[in-house]
Structures are given as C-alpha cells and as structure tokens.
Amino acid sequence: MADQRRKLRSSTVVLGGMGVLAAALTSCGSDPDRRCVDRDSYEYDGYKIVADKNCKSGSSSSSGKNRKSGGSRTDTIDAAWYYDSDVSAGYADYGTFSRSEAVDRDGFGCSGSGSGGG
C-alpha cells in the first residue's frame, strides 16, 4: 500500500512539473496581444485604433503610411502594431511598439527568442 501511494505522489509531481514546463515553452512562442494603431494620433486616451489592414500582417513590427479620406481632405495613417496595451473606447495605451519587449513582459523572460528588429 505504501509503495502504491509513493508511486502516485511521484507521478503527480512529474505531471505537475511537465505542466509548468509546457506553459513556459508555449508562452515563449506565442504572439502577444496586438492592435493596429495610428502613431500620429496619440491623445489623452492613447493611440487611436485603426483597421488591421493598415498594418502589414506579415511583419510583427511593420509600419506603413496609408491614405485615409475623410470629408474634403486626405490624410495619411502612420500605422503600426502596438502590443500588450490597455484598450478603451477605440484607443490603446500603456503598450509598446516592440514585439520582443512585449514578449519579455509576459513573465517567463523569453528574451532570446525575439528578433530585435525595430
């Protein structure tokens, strides 16, 4: 009976340790939460969130000047991905434009996995 209890405890420890390891590995590979924002639109509430199509979806830290039309004039959007931000009423704030910095914030410190391109 004691041997069976000991085996049960050791297998529980092994399974628990594997769960922690799996969580650490998946957090390093996952993309942080991101929003496409207009860099030129910062106000008290943060950056104005724009449509994802304004940011190039193939690159994690891209920015591009896209034209938007409103009324009789045409403006450009300096669109870029903004990571791990607080979102409220169409604005994002307290985030970062650096994907690798956003990944480092997530807790397990996967600093070696970021591309560092900026």
C-alpha atoms as a PDB file:
ATOM      1  CA  MET A   1       0.000   0.000   0.000  1.00  0.00           C
ATOM      2  CA  ALA A   2       2.846   2.389   0.835  1.00  0.00           C
ATOM      3  CA  ASP A   3       4.541   1.630  -2.498  1.00  0.00           C
ATOM      4  CA  GLN A   4       1.347   2.438  -4.400  1.00  0.00           C
ATOM      5  CA  ARG A   5       0.953   5.760  -2.548  1.00  0.00           C
ATOM      6  CA  ARG A   6       4.606   6.665  -3.223  1.00  0.00           C
ATOM      7  CA  LYS A   7       4.184   5.949  -6.958  1.00  0.00           C
ATOM      8  CA  LEU A   8       1.068   8.078  -7.068  1.00  0.00           C
ATOM      9  CA  ARG A   9       2.820  11.032  -5.410  1.00  0.00           C
ATOM     10  CA  SER A  10       5.884  10.843  -7.651  1.00  0.00           C
ATOM     11  CA  SER A  11       3.788  10.644 -10.808  1.00  0.00           C
ATOM     12  CA  THR A  12       1.774  13.670  -9.636  1.00  0.00           C
ATOM     13  CA  VAL A  13       4.990  15.642  -9.149  1.00  0.00           C
ATOM     14  CA  VAL A  14       6.265  14.644 -12.595  1.00  0.00           C
ATOM     15  CA  LEU A  15       2.988  15.566 -14.292  1.00  0.00           C
ATOM     16  CA  GLY A  16       2.834  18.892 -12.440  1.00  0.00           C
ATOM     17  CA  GLY A  17       6.407  19.709 -13.435  1.00  0.00           C
ATOM     18  CA  MET A  18       5.667  18.901 -17.062  1.00  0.00           C
ATOM     19  CA  GLY A  19       2.665  21.259 -16.974  1.00  0.00           C
ATOM     20  CA  VAL A  20       4.832  24.130 -15.753  1.00  0.00           C
ATOM     21  CA  LEU A  21       7.433  23.385 -18.433  1.00  0.00           C
ATOM     22  CA  ALA A  22       4.754  23.280 -21.145  1.00  0.00           C
ATOM     23  CA  ALA A  23       3.338  26.633 -20.013  1.00  0.00           C
ATOM     24  CA  ALA A  24       6.795  28.205 -20.112  1.00  0.00           C
ATOM     25  CA  LEU A  25       7.545  26.892 -23.600  1.00  0.00           C
ATOM     26  CA  THR A  26       4.208  27.912 -25.102  1.00  0.00           C
ATOM     27  CA  SER A  27       4.421  31.421 -23.669  1.00  0.00           C
ATOM     28  CA  CYS A  28       7.755  31.937 -25.428  1.00  0.00           C
ATOM     29  CA  GLY A  29       6.322  31.028 -28.817  1.00  0.00           C
ATOM     30  CA  SER A  30       3.002  32.775 -28.608  1.00  0.00           C
ATOM     31  CA  ASP A  31       2.322  36.206 -30.017  1.00  0.00           C
ATOM     32  CA  PRO A  32       1.399  38.936 -27.575  1.00  0.00           C
ATOM     33  CA  ASP A  33      -1.910  40.778 -27.893  1.00  0.00           C
ATOM     34  CA  ARG A  34      -1.613  43.481 -30.553  1.00  0.00           C
ATOM     35  CA  ARG A  35      -3.650  46.330 -32.031  1.00  0.00           C
ATOM     36  CA  CYS A  36      -3.074  48.307 -35.206  1.00  0.00           C
ATOM     37  CA  VAL A  37      -2.818  51.988 -34.226  1.00  0.00           C
ATOM     38  CA  ASP A  38      -2.084  55.321 -35.873  1.00  0.00           C
ATOM     39  CA  ARG A  39       1.218  56.539 -34.367  1.00  0.00           C
ATOM     40  CA  ASP A  40       0.326  60.153 -35.137  1.00  0.00           C
ATOM     41  CA  SER A  41      -2.985  60.046 -33.252  1.00  0.00           C
ATOM     42  CA  TYR A  42      -1.870  59.993 -29.605  1.00  0.00           C
ATOM     43  CA  GLU A  43      -4.311  61.756 -27.304  1.00  0.00           C
ATOM     44  CA  TYR A  44      -5.097  61.644 -23.589  1.00  0.00           C
ATOM     45  CA  ASP A  45      -6.750  58.212 -24.012  1.00  0.00           C
ATOM     46  CA  GLY A  46      -3.874  56.746 -26.037  1.00  0.00           C
ATOM     47  CA  TYR A  47      -3.354  55.864 -29.704  1.00  0.00           C
ATOM     48  CA  LYS A  48      -6.408  55.591 -31.960  1.00  0.00           C
ATOM     49  CA  ILE A  49      -7.012  52.005 -33.056  1.00  0.00           C
ATOM     50  CA  VAL A  50      -7.351  51.630 -36.834  1.00  0.00           C
ATOM     51  CA  ALA A  51      -8.254  48.680 -39.050  1.00  0.00           C
ATOM     52  CA  ASP A  52      -5.759  45.810 -39.091  1.00  0.00           C
ATOM     53  CA  LYS A  53      -5.463  46.140 -42.870  1.00  0.00           C
ATOM     54  CA  ASN A  54      -3.472  49.344 -42.277  1.00  0.00           C
ATOM     55  CA  CYS A  55      -0.679  47.318 -40.645  1.00  0.00           C
ATOM     56  CA  LYS A  56       1.148  44.801 -42.765  1.00  0.00           C
ATOM     57  CA  SER A  57       0.089  41.490 -41.249  1.00  0.00           C
ATOM     58  CA  GLY A  58       3.181  39.607 -42.432  1.00  0.00           C
ATOM     59  CA  SER A  59       5.583  41.552 -40.234  1.00  0.00           C
ATOM     60  CA  SER A  60       5.425  41.808 -36.469  1.00  0.00           C
ATOM     61  CA  SER A  61       6.692  45.375 -36.196  1.00  0.00           C
ATOM     62  CA  SER A  62       5.730  46.925 -39.503  1.00  0.00           C
ATOM     63  CA  SER A  63       4.536  50.411 -40.099  1.00  0.00           C
ATOM     64  CA  GLY A  64       3.199  51.961 -43.218  1.00  0.00           C
ATOM     65  CA  LYS A  65       1.797  55.215 -44.473  1.00  0.00           C
ATOM     66  CA  ASN A  66      -1.686  54.573 -45.774  1.00  0.00           C
ATOM     67  CA  ARG A  67      -4.133  57.122 -47.063  1.00  0.00           C
ATOM     68  CA  LYS A  68      -7.416  57.717 -45.346  1.00  0.00           C
ATOM     69  CA  SER A  69     -10.057  60.024 -46.668  1.00  0.00           C
ATOM     70  CA  GLY A  70     -12.480  61.977 -44.587  1.00  0.00           C
ATOM     71  CA  GLY A  71     -14.542  64.848 -45.911  1.00  0.00           C
ATOM     72  CA  SER A  72     -12.733  67.021 -48.413  1.00  0.00           C
ATOM     73  CA  ARG A  73      -9.143  66.284 -47.365  1.00  0.00           C
ATOM     74  CA  THR A  74      -6.907  63.244 -47.485  1.00  0.00           C
ATOM     75  CA  ASP A  75      -4.636  62.334 -44.568  1.00  0.00           C
ATOM     76  CA  THR A  76      -2.084  59.570 -44.086  1.00  0.00           C
ATOM     77  CA  ILE A  77      -2.035  56.982 -41.338  1.00  0.00           C
ATOM     78  CA  ASP A  78       1.293  56.052 -39.776  1.00  0.00           C
ATOM     79  CA  ALA A  79       0.056  52.581 -38.857  1.00  0.00           C
ATOM     80  CA  ALA A  80       1.991  50.187 -36.626  1.00  0.00           C
ATOM     81  CA  TRP A  81       1.338  47.203 -34.372  1.00  0.00           C
ATOM     82  CA  TYR A  82       1.018  48.191 -30.693  1.00  0.00           C
ATOM     83  CA  TYR A  83       1.475  45.290 -28.261  1.00  0.00           C
ATOM     84  CA  ASP A  84       0.053  44.451 -24.805  1.00  0.00           C
ATOM     85  CA  SER A  85      -1.916  47.643 -24.383  1.00  0.00           C
ATOM     86  CA  ASP A  86      -4.935  48.616 -22.343  1.00  0.00           C
ATOM     87  CA  VAL A  87      -7.864  49.171 -24.714  1.00  0.00           C
ATOM     88  CA  SER A  88     -10.758  51.503 -24.034  1.00  0.00           C
ATOM     89  CA  ALA A  89     -13.276  53.185 -26.353  1.00  0.00           C
ATOM     90  CA  GLY A  90     -11.237  52.704 -29.512  1.00  0.00           C
ATOM     91  CA  TYR A  91      -7.905  53.800 -28.009  1.00  0.00           C
ATOM     92  CA  ALA A  92      -4.886  51.765 -26.877  1.00  0.00           C
ATOM     93  CA  ASP A  93      -2.441  52.929 -24.204  1.00  0.00           C
ATOM     94  CA  TYR A  94       0.353  51.663 -21.923  1.00  0.00           C
ATOM     95  CA  GLY A  95       1.706  49.250 -24.534  1.00  0.00           C
ATOM     96  CA  THR A  96       4.822  49.011 -26.642  1.00  0.00           C
ATOM     97  CA  PHE A  97       5.654  49.072 -30.347  1.00  0.00           C
ATOM     98  CA  SER A  98       8.358  46.439 -29.759  1.00  0.00           C
ATOM     99  CA  ARG A  99       7.165  42.841 -30.116  1.00  0.00           C
ATOM    100  CA  SER A 100      10.208  41.415 -28.322  1.00  0.00           C
ATOM    101  CA  GLU A 101       9.667  43.766 -25.378  1.00  0.00           C
ATOM    102  CA  ALA A 102       6.026  42.668 -25.180  1.00  0.00           C
ATOM    103  CA  VAL A 103       7.073  39.001 -25.113  1.00  0.00           C
ATOM    104  CA  ASP A 104       9.538  39.736 -22.283  1.00  0.00           C
ATOM    105  CA  ARG A 105       6.740  41.347 -20.262  1.00  0.00           C
ATOM    106  CA  ASP A 106       4.695  38.147 -20.290  1.00  0.00           C
ATOM    107  CA  GLY A 107       6.557  36.661 -17.354  1.00  0.00           C
ATOM    108  CA  PHE A 108       8.840  33.825 -18.385  1.00  0.00           C
ATOM    109  CA  GLY A 109      11.505  36.081 -19.923  1.00  0.00           C
ATOM    110  CA  CYS A 110      11.917  34.700 -23.423  1.00  0.00           C
ATOM    111  CA  SER A 111      14.367  37.449 -24.322  1.00  0.00           C
ATOM    112  CA  GLY A 112      16.454  35.220 -26.570  1.00  0.00           C
ATOM    113  CA  SER A 113      13.521  34.440 -28.850  1.00  0.00           C
ATOM    114  CA  GLY A 114      12.771  37.984 -30.040  1.00  0.00           C
ATOM    115  CA  SER A 115      14.012  39.163 -33.420  1.00  0.00           C
ATOM    116  CA  GLY A 116      15.117  42.576 -32.170  1.00  0.00           C
ATOM    117  CA  GLY A 117      14.280  44.255 -35.477  1.00  0.00           C
ATOM    118  CA  GLY A 118      12.977  47.688 -34.944  1.00  0.00           C
END
